[in-house]
C-alpha atoms as a PDB file:
ATOM      1  CA  MET A   1     -43.005 -45.755  27.312  1.00  0.00           C
ATOM      2  CA  ARG A   2     -39.517 -47.319  27.468  1.00  0.00           C
ATOM      3  CA  GLN A   3     -37.479 -46.421  30.564  1.00  0.00           C
ATOM      4  CA  THR A   4     -34.663 -44.789  28.690  1.00  0.00           C
ATOM      5  CA  CYS A   5     -32.666 -41.584  29.383  1.00  0.00           C
ATOM      6  CA  ILE A   6     -34.510 -39.546  26.751  1.00  0.00           C
ATOM      7  CA  ASN A   7     -37.741 -40.218  28.641  1.00  0.00           C
ATOM      8  CA  CYS A   8     -36.432 -39.696  32.154  1.00  0.00           C
ATOM      9  CA  GLN A   9     -36.735 -36.494  34.166  1.00  0.00           C
ATOM     10  CA  HIS A  10     -33.355 -37.232  35.890  1.00  0.00           C
ATOM     11  CA  ALA A  11     -31.404 -37.084  32.621  1.00  0.00           C
ATOM     12  CA  ASP A  12     -29.254 -34.010  32.504  1.00  0.00           C
ATOM     13  CA  TYR A  13     -28.194 -33.159  29.007  1.00  0.00           C
ATOM     14  CA  ARG A  14     -26.893 -29.656  29.771  1.00  0.00           C
ATOM     15  CA  THR A  15     -24.258 -30.846  32.158  1.00  0.00           C
ATOM     16  CA  ALA A  16     -23.050 -33.488  29.798  1.00  0.00           C
ATOM     17  CA  ALA A  17     -22.812 -30.895  26.987  1.00  0.00           C
ATOM     18  CA  ALA A  18     -20.926 -28.500  29.276  1.00  0.00           C
ATOM     19  CA  GLU A  19     -18.485 -31.347  30.027  1.00  0.00           C
ATOM     20  CA  GLY A  20     -17.823 -31.817  26.297  1.00  0.00           C
ATOM     21  CA  MET A  21     -20.257 -34.601  25.559  1.00  0.00           C
ATOM     22  CA  PRO A  22     -23.175 -33.110  23.674  1.00  0.00           C
ATOM     23  CA  LYS A  23     -26.024 -35.484  22.778  1.00  0.00           C
ATOM     24  CA  PHE A  24     -25.319 -37.558  25.890  1.00  0.00           C
ATOM     25  CA  SER A  25     -26.766 -37.189  29.386  1.00  0.00           C
ATOM     26  CA  LYS A  26     -25.651 -37.495  32.986  1.00  0.00           C
ATOM     27  CA  CYS A  27     -27.951 -39.198  35.583  1.00  0.00           C
ATOM     28  CA  ARG A  28     -28.959 -36.933  38.475  1.00  0.00           C
ATOM     29  CA  ARG A  29     -29.791 -40.116  40.484  1.00  0.00           C
ATOM     30  CA  ALA A  30     -26.441 -41.873  40.041  1.00  0.00           C
ATOM     31  CA  ARG A  31     -25.786 -44.306  42.939  1.00  0.00           C
ATOM     32  CA  ASN A  32     -22.040 -44.324  43.022  1.00  0.00           C
ATOM     33  CA  GLU A  33     -18.884 -42.620  41.621  1.00  0.00           C
ATOM     34  CA  THR A  34     -18.821 -44.882  38.576  1.00  0.00           C
ATOM     35  CA  GLU A  35     -22.363 -43.897  37.600  1.00  0.00           C
ATOM     36  CA  VAL A  36     -21.620 -40.222  38.322  1.00  0.00           C
ATOM     37  CA  ALA A  37     -18.681 -40.306  35.880  1.00  0.00           C
ATOM     38  CA  LYS A  38     -20.655 -42.071  33.127  1.00  0.00           C
ATOM     39  CA  PHE A  39     -22.303 -40.418  30.102  1.00  0.00           C
ATOM     40  CA  TYR A  40     -25.510 -42.072  28.847  1.00  0.00           C
ATOM     41  CA  GLY A  41     -26.855 -42.250  25.320  1.00  0.00           C
ATOM     42  CA  ARG A  42     -30.490 -41.446  24.818  1.00  0.00           C
ATOM     43  CA  ASP A  43     -31.568 -45.046  24.358  1.00  0.00           C
ATOM     44  CA  VAL A  44     -29.887 -46.475  27.475  1.00  0.00           C
ATOM     45  CA  GLU A  45     -32.361 -48.453  29.634  1.00  0.00           C
ATOM     46  CA  CYS A  46     -32.461 -47.315  33.239  1.00  0.00           C
ATOM     47  CA  ASP A  47     -30.812 -49.902  35.486  1.00  0.00           C
ATOM     48  CA  ASN A  48     -30.597 -48.074  38.791  1.00  0.00           C
ATOM     49  CA  GLY A  49     -34.376 -48.040  39.557  1.00  0.00           C
ATOM     50  CA  ALA A  50     -34.674 -44.284  39.604  1.00  0.00           C
ATOM     51  CA  PHE A  51     -36.588 -43.802  36.378  1.00  0.00           C
ATOM     52  CA  ALA A  52     -39.222 -41.074  36.542  1.00  0.00           C
ATOM     53  CA  ALA A  53     -41.054 -40.131  33.407  1.00  0.00           C
ATOM     54  CA  ALA A  54     -40.484 -36.687  32.058  1.00  0.00           C
ATOM     55  CA  ASN A  55     -43.433 -34.823  30.640  1.00  0.00           C
ATOM     56  CA  ALA A  56     -43.992 -34.925  26.877  1.00  0.00           C
ATOM     57  CA  VAL A  57     -43.005 -31.260  26.412  1.00  0.00           C
ATOM     58  CA  ILE A  58     -39.485 -31.924  27.891  1.00  0.00           C
ATOM     59  CA  VAL A  59     -39.017 -35.066  25.829  1.00  0.00           C
ATOM     60  CA  ASP A  60     -40.014 -33.217  22.638  1.00  0.00           C
ATOM     61  CA  LYS A  61     -37.564 -30.408  23.411  1.00  0.00           C
ATOM     62  CA  ARG A  62     -34.782 -32.922  23.981  1.00  0.00           C
ATOM     63  CA  LEU A  63     -35.512 -34.676  20.715  1.00  0.00           C
ATOM     64  CA  GLU A  64     -35.507 -31.402  18.889  1.00  0.00           C
ATOM     65  CA  TRP A  65     -32.129 -30.390  20.415  1.00  0.00           C
ATOM     66  CA  LEU A  66     -30.671 -33.792  19.755  1.00  0.00           C
ATOM     67  CA  SER A  67     -31.636 -33.634  16.091  1.00  0.00           C
ATOM     68  CA  ARG A  68     -29.546 -30.437  15.480  1.00  0.00           C
END
């Protein structure tokens, strides 16, 4: 499994959508203000060392939501 946002339990797609950026995510484990302000695409590789695999059900729901 690639360590990308779509596969990470720390990716927060709801907050990003609420802030006007649907189909992107925010990282709940952002290390600084710059990372907190960033929106991440689903295929962005984790570079902060906080990747934690989300379970398959969550990943499937995200993929379904992103395909709408």
